[in-house]
Amino acid sequence: MNFDTQLITKCTLGFFMGISVGLIFRYFLFRILLFISIPIIAMLVLDYTGMVSVDWLFLKEKWDKIFVFLTPTAISIYSYLKQSHPY
């Protein structure tokens, strides 16, 4: 197999692998977003109609605690490096 054929074969394999990984990622991303958005929309509708009173500040405090717990170290390192140091 010469260089051109080998290059085309590798590019084609990478292209099809990229498409399949992208489709799987898109499927799971939309599925997760759908499962997250349904309860939020239901809470908004119930709060707007007055059927149930939702304490949004309580939910925000809980979300902030969970988000801080789940924040990856990379984000903390990035924010530290982004700070301007006086020296």
PDB file of N, CA and C in Angstrom:
ATOM      1  N   MET A   1       0.858  -1.171   0.000  1.00  0.00           N
ATOM      2  CA  MET A   1       0.000   0.000   0.000  1.00  0.00           C
ATOM      3  C   MET A   1       0.906   1.237   0.000  1.00  0.00           C
ATOM      4  N   ASN A   2       0.686   2.124  -0.938  1.00  0.00           N
ATOM      5  CA  ASN A   2       1.524   3.318  -0.999  1.00  0.00           C
ATOM      6  C   ASN A   2       1.025   4.371  -0.011  1.00  0.00           C
ATOM      7  N   PHE A   3       1.759   5.476   0.067  1.00  0.00           N
ATOM      8  CA  PHE A   3       1.491   6.501   1.084  1.00  0.00           C
ATOM      9  C   PHE A   3       0.117   7.137   0.907  1.00  0.00           C
ATOM     10  N   ASP A   4      -0.278   7.434  -0.324  1.00  0.00           N
ATOM     11  CA  ASP A   4      -1.574   8.084  -0.562  1.00  0.00           C
ATOM     12  C   ASP A   4      -2.741   7.198  -0.120  1.00  0.00           C
ATOM     13  N   THR A   5      -2.684   5.926  -0.475  1.00  0.00           N
ATOM     14  CA  THR A   5      -3.758   5.011  -0.098  1.00  0.00           C
ATOM     15  C   THR A   5      -3.817   4.842   1.417  1.00  0.00           C
ATOM     16  N   GLN A   6      -2.644   4.769   2.039  1.00  0.00           N
ATOM     17  CA  GLN A   6      -2.587   4.624   3.488  1.00  0.00           C
ATOM     18  C   GLN A   6      -3.156   5.866   4.177  1.00  0.00           C
ATOM     19  N   LEU A   7      -2.831   7.030   3.655  1.00  0.00           N
ATOM     20  CA  LEU A   7      -3.328   8.283   4.226  1.00  0.00           C
ATOM     21  C   LEU A   7      -4.844   8.384   4.080  1.00  0.00           C
ATOM     22  N   ILE A   8      -5.357   8.026   2.909  1.00  0.00           N
ATOM     23  CA  ILE A   8      -6.810   8.065   2.687  1.00  0.00           C
ATOM     24  C   ILE A   8      -7.514   7.083   3.626  1.00  0.00           C
ATOM     25  N   THR A   9      -6.927   5.895   3.808  1.00  0.00           N
ATOM     26  CA  THR A   9      -7.527   4.898   4.698  1.00  0.00           C
ATOM     27  C   THR A   9      -7.575   5.406   6.132  1.00  0.00           C
ATOM     28  N   LYS A  10      -6.484   6.001   6.604  1.00  0.00           N
ATOM     29  CA  LYS A  10      -6.454   6.511   7.975  1.00  0.00           C
ATOM     30  C   LYS A  10      -7.426   7.674   8.152  1.00  0.00           C
ATOM     31  N   CYS A  11      -7.476   8.569   7.179  1.00  0.00           N
ATOM     32  CA  CYS A  11      -8.389   9.714   7.278  1.00  0.00           C
ATOM     33  C   CYS A  11      -9.841   9.254   7.270  1.00  0.00           C
ATOM     34  N   THR A  12     -10.155   8.289   6.422  1.00  0.00           N
ATOM     35  CA  THR A  12     -11.528   7.790   6.350  1.00  0.00           C
ATOM     36  C   THR A  12     -11.929   7.117   7.652  1.00  0.00           C
ATOM     37  N   LEU A  13     -11.027   6.317   8.223  1.00  0.00           N
ATOM     38  CA  LEU A  13     -11.312   5.645   9.487  1.00  0.00           C
ATOM     39  C   LEU A  13     -11.530   6.676  10.601  1.00  0.00           C
ATOM     40  N   GLY A  14     -10.667   7.686  10.656  1.00  0.00           N
ATOM     41  CA  GLY A  14     -10.832   8.736  11.663  1.00  0.00           C
ATOM     42  C   GLY A  14     -12.108   9.525  11.466  1.00  0.00           C
ATOM     43  N   PHE A  15     -12.465   9.768  10.214  1.00  0.00           N
ATOM     44  CA  PHE A  15     -13.694  10.511   9.913  1.00  0.00           C
ATOM     45  C   PHE A  15     -14.918   9.750  10.408  1.00  0.00           C
ATOM     46  N   PHE A  16     -14.980   8.450  10.091  1.00  0.00           N
ATOM     47  CA  PHE A  16     -16.142   7.664  10.513  1.00  0.00           C
ATOM     48  C   PHE A  16     -16.172   7.461  12.025  1.00  0.00           C
ATOM     49  N   MET A  17     -15.003   7.321  12.652  1.00  0.00           N
ATOM     50  CA  MET A  17     -14.975   7.207  14.110  1.00  0.00           C
ATOM     51  C   MET A  17     -15.419   8.515  14.751  1.00  0.00           C
ATOM     52  N   GLY A  18     -15.011   9.643  14.165  1.00  0.00           N
ATOM     53  CA  GLY A  18     -15.433  10.941  14.682  1.00  0.00           C
ATOM     54  C   GLY A  18     -16.928  11.146  14.565  1.00  0.00           C
ATOM     55  N   ILE A  19     -17.497  10.716  13.454  1.00  0.00           N
ATOM     56  CA  ILE A  19     -18.950  10.841  13.275  1.00  0.00           C
ATOM     57  C   ILE A  19     -19.685   9.989  14.307  1.00  0.00           C
ATOM     58  N   SER A  20     -19.248   8.749  14.498  1.00  0.00           N
ATOM     59  CA  SER A  20     -19.951   7.869  15.440  1.00  0.00           C
ATOM     60  C   SER A  20     -19.819   8.365  16.873  1.00  0.00           C
ATOM     61  N   VAL A  21     -18.639   8.822  17.263  1.00  0.00           N
ATOM     62  CA  VAL A  21     -18.465   9.358  18.617  1.00  0.00           C
ATOM     63  C   VAL A  21     -19.294  10.627  18.786  1.00  0.00           C
ATOM     64  N   GLY A  22     -19.327  11.463  17.768  1.00  0.00           N
ATOM     65  CA  GLY A  22     -20.125  12.685  17.833  1.00  0.00           C
ATOM     66  C   GLY A  22     -21.612  12.407  17.960  1.00  0.00           C
ATOM     67  N   LEU A  23     -22.105  11.420  17.232  1.00  0.00           N
ATOM     68  CA  LEU A  23     -23.528  11.072  17.329  1.00  0.00           C
ATOM     69  C   LEU A  23     -23.878  10.502  18.698  1.00  0.00           C
ATOM     70  N   ILE A  24     -22.990   9.660  19.234  1.00  0.00           N
ATOM     71  CA  ILE A  24     -23.240   9.108  20.574  1.00  0.00           C
ATOM     72  C   ILE A  24     -23.223  10.224  21.610  1.00  0.00           C
ATOM     73  N   PHE A  25     -22.243  11.125  21.518  1.00  0.00           N
ATOM     74  CA  PHE A  25     -22.158  12.242  22.461  1.00  0.00           C
ATOM     75  C   PHE A  25     -23.391  13.128  22.355  1.00  0.00           C
ATOM     76  N   ARG A  26     -23.828  13.388  21.134  1.00  0.00           N
ATOM     77  CA  ARG A  26     -25.010  14.231  20.931  1.00  0.00           C
ATOM     78  C   ARG A  26     -26.260  13.566  21.507  1.00  0.00           C
ATOM     79  N   TYR A  27     -26.382  12.266  21.315  1.00  0.00           N
ATOM     80  CA  TYR A  27     -27.534  11.528  21.835  1.00  0.00           C
ATOM     81  C   TYR A  27     -27.589  11.623  23.358  1.00  0.00           C
ATOM     82  N   PHE A  28     -26.464  11.338  24.017  1.00  0.00           N
ATOM     83  CA  PHE A  28     -26.455  11.371  25.480  1.00  0.00           C
ATOM     84  C   PHE A  28     -26.573  12.786  26.013  1.00  0.00           C
ATOM     85  N   LEU A  29     -25.986  13.767  25.336  1.00  0.00           N
ATOM     86  CA  LEU A  29     -26.081  15.155  25.789  1.00  0.00           C
ATOM     87  C   LEU A  29     -27.530  15.632  25.755  1.00  0.00           C
ATOM     88  N   PHE A  30     -28.224  15.388  24.658  1.00  0.00           N
ATOM     89  CA  PHE A  30     -29.622  15.810  24.567  1.00  0.00           C
ATOM     90  C   PHE A  30     -30.511  15.022  25.529  1.00  0.00           C
ATOM     91  N   ARG A  31     -30.192  13.761  25.751  1.00  0.00           N
ATOM     92  CA  ARG A  31     -30.981  12.967  26.696  1.00  0.00           C
ATOM     93  C   ARG A  31     -30.810  13.506  28.121  1.00  0.00           C
ATOM     94  N   ILE A  32     -29.594  13.842  28.508  1.00  0.00           N
ATOM     95  CA  ILE A  32     -29.352  14.401  29.841  1.00  0.00           C
ATOM     96  C   ILE A  32     -30.028  15.753  29.976  1.00  0.00           C
ATOM     97  N   LEU A  33     -29.888  16.603  28.957  1.00  0.00           N
ATOM     98  CA  LEU A  33     -30.532  17.919  29.021  1.00  0.00           C
ATOM     99  C   LEU A  33     -32.052  17.791  29.090  1.00  0.00           C
ATOM    100  N   LEU A  34     -32.609  16.820  28.392  1.00  0.00           N
ATOM    101  CA  LEU A  34     -34.056  16.611  28.430  1.00  0.00           C
ATOM    102  C   LEU A  34     -34.513  16.177  29.816  1.00  0.00           C
ATOM    103  N   PHE A  35     -33.786  15.241  30.425  1.00  0.00           N
ATOM    104  CA  PHE A  35     -34.156  14.776  31.764  1.00  0.00           C
ATOM    105  C   PHE A  35     -33.991  15.867  32.811  1.00  0.00           C
ATOM    106  N   ILE A  36     -33.060  16.785  32.603  1.00  0.00           N
ATOM    107  CA  ILE A  36     -32.878  17.884  33.552  1.00  0.00           C
ATOM    108  C   ILE A  36     -33.943  18.946  33.345  1.00  0.00           C
ATOM    109  N   SER A  37     -34.310  19.210  32.099  1.00  0.00           N
ATOM    110  CA  SER A  37     -35.221  20.327  31.830  1.00  0.00           C
ATOM    111  C   SER A  37     -36.675  20.020  32.185  1.00  0.00           C
ATOM    112  N   ILE A  38     -37.099  18.772  32.111  1.00  0.00           N
ATOM    113  CA  ILE A  38     -38.507  18.445  32.397  1.00  0.00           C
ATOM    114  C   ILE A  38     -38.899  18.804  33.831  1.00  0.00           C
ATOM    115  N   PRO A  39     -38.129  18.423  34.875  1.00  0.00           N
ATOM    116  CA  PRO A  39     -38.529  18.835  36.228  1.00  0.00           C
ATOM    117  C   PRO A  39     -38.472  20.344  36.445  1.00  0.00           C
ATOM    118  N   ILE A  40     -37.516  21.017  35.816  1.00  0.00           N
ATOM    119  CA  ILE A  40     -37.415  22.473  35.979  1.00  0.00           C
ATOM    120  C   ILE A  40     -38.632  23.158  35.368  1.00  0.00           C
ATOM    121  N   ILE A  41     -39.027  22.742  34.182  1.00  0.00           N
ATOM    122  CA  ILE A  41     -40.209  23.334  33.535  1.00  0.00           C
ATOM    123  C   ILE A  41     -41.464  23.029  34.345  1.00  0.00           C
ATOM    124  N   ALA A  42     -41.559  21.806  34.875  1.00  0.00           N
ATOM    125  CA  ALA A  42     -42.724  21.460  35.701  1.00  0.00           C
ATOM    126  C   ALA A  42     -42.780  22.330  36.955  1.00  0.00           C
ATOM    127  N   MET A  43     -41.631  22.566  37.590  1.00  0.00           N
ATOM    128  CA  MET A  43     -41.612  23.419  38.781  1.00  0.00           C
ATOM    129  C   MET A  43     -41.987  24.850  38.435  1.00  0.00           C
ATOM    130  N   LEU A  44     -41.505  25.347  37.293  1.00  0.00           N
ATOM    131  CA  LEU A  44     -41.859  26.710  36.883  1.00  0.00           C
ATOM    132  C   LEU A  44     -43.357  26.847  36.637  1.00  0.00           C
ATOM    133  N   VAL A  45     -43.949  25.869  35.959  1.00  0.00           N
ATOM    134  CA  VAL A  45     -45.387  25.920  35.671  1.00  0.00           C
ATOM    135  C   VAL A  45     -46.193  25.829  36.961  1.00  0.00           C
ATOM    136  N   LEU A  46     -45.822  24.910  37.853  1.00  0.00           N
ATOM    137  CA  LEU A  46     -46.548  24.766  39.115  1.00  0.00           C
ATOM    138  C   LEU A  46     -46.421  26.014  39.983  1.00  0.00           C
ATOM    139  N   ASP A  47     -45.251  26.641  39.969  1.00  0.00           N
ATOM    140  CA  ASP A  47     -45.068  27.862  40.755  1.00  0.00           C
ATOM    141  C   ASP A  47     -45.848  29.020  40.140  1.00  0.00           C
ATOM    142  N   TYR A  48     -45.868  29.096  38.816  1.00  0.00           N
ATOM    143  CA  TYR A  48     -46.574  30.193  38.141  1.00  0.00           C
ATOM    144  C   TYR A  48     -48.086  30.089  38.338  1.00  0.00           C
ATOM    145  N   THR A  49     -48.614  28.879  38.277  1.00  0.00           N
ATOM    146  CA  THR A  49     -50.059  28.706  38.444  1.00  0.00           C
ATOM    147  C   THR A  49     -50.491  28.787  39.901  1.00  0.00           C
ATOM    148  N   GLY A  50     -49.557  28.737  40.830  1.00  0.00           N
ATOM    149  CA  GLY A  50     -49.880  28.847  42.247  1.00  0.00           C
ATOM    150  C   GLY A  50     -50.297  27.540  42.885  1.00  0.00           C
ATOM    151  N   MET A  51     -50.156  26.441  42.172  1.00  0.00           N
ATOM    152  CA  MET A  51     -50.531  25.146  42.745  1.00  0.00           C
ATOM    153  C   MET A  51     -49.547  24.730  43.834  1.00  0.00           C
ATOM    154  N   VAL A  52     -48.278  25.015  43.625  1.00  0.00           N
ATOM    155  CA  VAL A  52     -47.229  24.685  44.588  1.00  0.00           C
ATOM    156  C   VAL A  52     -46.319  25.895  44.693  1.00  0.00           C
ATOM    157  N   SER A  53     -45.894  26.217  45.895  1.00  0.00           N
ATOM    158  CA  SER A  53     -44.955  27.316  46.087  1.00  0.00           C
ATOM    159  C   SER A  53     -43.541  26.739  46.147  1.00  0.00           C
ATOM    160  N   VAL A  54     -42.692  27.190  45.248  1.00  0.00           N
ATOM    161  CA  VAL A  54     -41.322  26.689  45.167  1.00  0.00           C
ATOM    162  C   VAL A  54     -40.404  27.729  45.788  1.00  0.00           C
ATOM    163  N   ASP A  55     -39.562  27.284  46.719  1.00  0.00           N
ATOM    164  CA  ASP A  55     -38.595  28.176  47.353  1.00  0.00           C
ATOM    165  C   ASP A  55     -37.328  28.195  46.488  1.00  0.00           C
ATOM    166  N   TRP A  56     -37.251  29.159  45.590  1.00  0.00           N
ATOM    167  CA  TRP A  56     -36.148  29.207  44.633  1.00  0.00           C
ATOM    168  C   TRP A  56     -34.822  29.539  45.299  1.00  0.00           C
ATOM    169  N   LEU A  57     -34.837  30.350  46.360  1.00  0.00           N
ATOM    170  CA  LEU A  57     -33.584  30.672  47.048  1.00  0.00           C
ATOM    171  C   LEU A  57     -33.007  29.436  47.733  1.00  0.00           C
ATOM    172  N   PHE A  58     -33.878  28.605  48.301  1.00  0.00           N
ATOM    173  CA  PHE A  58     -33.417  27.353  48.908  1.00  0.00           C
ATOM    174  C   PHE A  58     -32.789  26.450  47.844  1.00  0.00           C
ATOM    175  N   LEU A  59     -33.438  26.351  46.691  1.00  0.00           N
ATOM    176  CA  LEU A  59     -32.884  25.522  45.614  1.00  0.00           C
ATOM    177  C   LEU A  59     -31.559  26.075  45.111  1.00  0.00           C
ATOM    178  N   LYS A  60     -31.429  27.404  45.049  1.00  0.00           N
ATOM    179  CA  LYS A  60     -30.170  28.010  44.607  1.00  0.00           C
ATOM    180  C   LYS A  60     -29.049  27.708  45.595  1.00  0.00           C
ATOM    181  N   GLU A  61     -29.341  27.773  46.895  1.00  0.00           N
ATOM    182  CA  GLU A  61     -28.320  27.446  47.893  1.00  0.00           C
ATOM    183  C   GLU A  61     -27.885  25.994  47.768  1.00  0.00           C
ATOM    184  N   LYS A  62     -28.835  25.097  47.594  1.00  0.00           N
ATOM    185  CA  LYS A  62     -28.499  23.677  47.429  1.00  0.00           C
ATOM    186  C   LYS A  62     -27.683  23.454  46.154  1.00  0.00           C
ATOM    187  N   TRP A  63     -28.069  24.133  45.070  1.00  0.00           N
ATOM    188  CA  TRP A  63     -27.345  23.983  43.805  1.00  0.00           C
ATOM    189  C   TRP A  63     -25.922  24.494  43.940  1.00  0.00           C
ATOM    190  N   ASP A  64     -25.734  25.622  44.643  1.00  0.00           N
ATOM    191  CA  ASP A  64     -24.389  26.159  44.829  1.00  0.00           C
ATOM    192  C   ASP A  64     -23.510  25.186  45.608  1.00  0.00           C
ATOM    193  N   LYS A  65     -24.075  24.535  46.617  1.00  0.00           N
ATOM    194  CA  LYS A  65     -23.300  23.551  47.383  1.00  0.00           C
ATOM    195  C   LYS A  65     -22.938  22.355  46.518  1.00  0.00           C
ATOM    196  N   ILE A  66     -23.875  21.867  45.729  1.00  0.00           N
ATOM    197  CA  ILE A  66     -23.602  20.721  44.857  1.00  0.00           C
ATOM    198  C   ILE A  66     -22.596  21.104  43.781  1.00  0.00           C
ATOM    199  N   PHE A  67     -22.744  22.312  43.215  1.00  0.00           N
ATOM    200  CA  PHE A  67     -21.847  22.735  42.139  1.00  0.00           C
ATOM    201  C   PHE A  67     -20.423  22.882  42.646  1.00  0.00           C
ATOM    202  N   VAL A  68     -20.258  23.425  43.863  1.00  0.00           N
ATOM    203  CA  VAL A  68     -18.917  23.560  44.429  1.00  0.00           C
ATOM    204  C   VAL A  68     -18.312  22.181  44.665  1.00  0.00           C
ATOM    205  N   PHE A  69     -19.132  21.230  45.092  1.00  0.00           N
ATOM    206  CA  PHE A  69     -18.638  19.875  45.323  1.00  0.00           C
ATOM    207  C   PHE A  69     -18.231  19.201  44.019  1.00  0.00           C
ATOM    208  N   LEU A  70     -18.955  19.477  42.941  1.00  0.00           N
ATOM    209  CA  LEU A  70     -18.691  18.814  41.669  1.00  0.00           C
ATOM    210  C   LEU A  70     -17.724  19.557  40.765  1.00  0.00           C
ATOM    211  N   THR A  71     -17.282  20.747  41.177  1.00  0.00           N
ATOM    212  CA  THR A  71     -16.394  21.529  40.320  1.00  0.00           C
ATOM    213  C   THR A  71     -15.067  20.799  40.145  1.00  0.00           C
ATOM    214  N   PRO A  72     -14.662  20.559  38.929  1.00  0.00           N
ATOM    215  CA  PRO A  72     -13.388  19.865  38.740  1.00  0.00           C
ATOM    216  C   PRO A  72     -12.203  20.758  39.098  1.00  0.00           C
ATOM    217  N   THR A  73     -11.101  20.111  39.391  1.00  0.00           N
ATOM    218  CA  THR A  73      -9.900  20.835  39.791  1.00  0.00           C
ATOM    219  C   THR A  73      -9.382  21.710  38.664  1.00  0.00           C
ATOM    220  N   ALA A  74      -9.597  21.313  37.430  1.00  0.00           N
ATOM    221  CA  ALA A  74      -9.091  22.089  36.298  1.00  0.00           C
ATOM    222  C   ALA A  74      -9.683  23.491  36.277  1.00  0.00           C
ATOM    223  N   ILE A  75     -10.940  23.637  36.635  1.00  0.00           N
ATOM    224  CA  ILE A  75     -11.562  24.961  36.642  1.00  0.00           C
ATOM    225  C   ILE A  75     -10.940  25.814  37.732  1.00  0.00           C
ATOM    226  N   SER A  76     -10.656  25.210  38.888  1.00  0.00           N
ATOM    227  CA  SER A  76     -10.022  25.946  39.973  1.00  0.00           C
ATOM    228  C   SER A  76      -8.619  26.391  39.573  1.00  0.00           C
ATOM    229  N   ILE A  77      -7.881  25.518  38.924  1.00  0.00           N
ATOM    230  CA  ILE A  77      -6.531  25.875  38.481  1.00  0.00           C
ATOM    231  C   ILE A  77      -6.602  26.982  37.438  1.00  0.00           C
ATOM    232  N   TYR A  78      -7.549  26.885  36.502  1.00  0.00           N
ATOM    233  CA  TYR A  78      -7.691  27.912  35.472  1.00  0.00           C
ATOM    234  C   TYR A  78      -8.020  29.265  36.090  1.00  0.00           C
ATOM    235  N   SER A  79      -8.924  29.295  37.064  1.00  0.00           N
ATOM    236  CA  SER A  79      -9.270  30.573  37.689  1.00  0.00           C
ATOM    237  C   SER A  79      -8.091  31.120  38.482  1.00  0.00           C
ATOM    238  N   TYR A  80      -7.279  30.241  39.077  1.00  0.00           N
ATOM    239  CA  TYR A  80      -6.097  30.704  39.803  1.00  0.00           C
ATOM    240  C   TYR A  80      -5.075  31.294  38.839  1.00  0.00           C
ATOM    241  N   LEU A  81      -4.866  30.640  37.715  1.00  0.00           N
ATOM    242  CA  LEU A  81      -3.887  31.140  36.747  1.00  0.00           C
ATOM    243  C   LEU A  81      -4.370  32.408  36.061  1.00  0.00           C
ATOM    244  N   LYS A  82      -5.677  32.598  35.979  1.00  0.00           N
ATOM    245  CA  LYS A  82      -6.233  33.775  35.317  1.00  0.00           C
ATOM    246  C   LYS A  82      -6.093  35.035  36.178  1.00  0.00           C
ATOM    247  N   GLN A  83      -5.921  34.863  37.477  1.00  0.00           N
ATOM    248  CA  GLN A  83      -5.791  36.019  38.367  1.00  0.00           C
ATOM    249  C   GLN A  83      -4.513  36.778  38.038  1.00  0.00           C
ATOM    250  N   SER A  84      -4.573  38.095  38.211  1.00  0.00           N
ATOM    251  CA  SER A  84      -3.369  38.901  38.000  1.00  0.00           C
ATOM    252  C   SER A  84      -2.629  39.005  39.329  1.00  0.00           C
ATOM    253  N   HIS A  85      -1.364  38.652  39.301  1.00  0.00           N
ATOM    254  CA  HIS A  85      -0.548  38.682  40.508  1.00  0.00           C
ATOM    255  C   HIS A  85       0.243  39.985  40.549  1.00  0.00           C
ATOM    256  N   PRO A  86       0.453  40.547  41.741  1.00  0.00           N
ATOM    257  CA  PRO A  86       1.140  41.843  41.830  1.00  0.00           C
ATOM    258  C   PRO A  86       2.630  41.767  41.542  1.00  0.00           C
ATOM    259  N   TYR A  87       3.239  40.608  41.583  1.00  0.00           N
ATOM    260  CA  TYR A  87       4.684  40.524  41.353  1.00  0.00           C
ATOM    261  C   TYR A  87       5.025  40.300  39.915  1.00  0.00           C
TER     262      TYR A  87
END
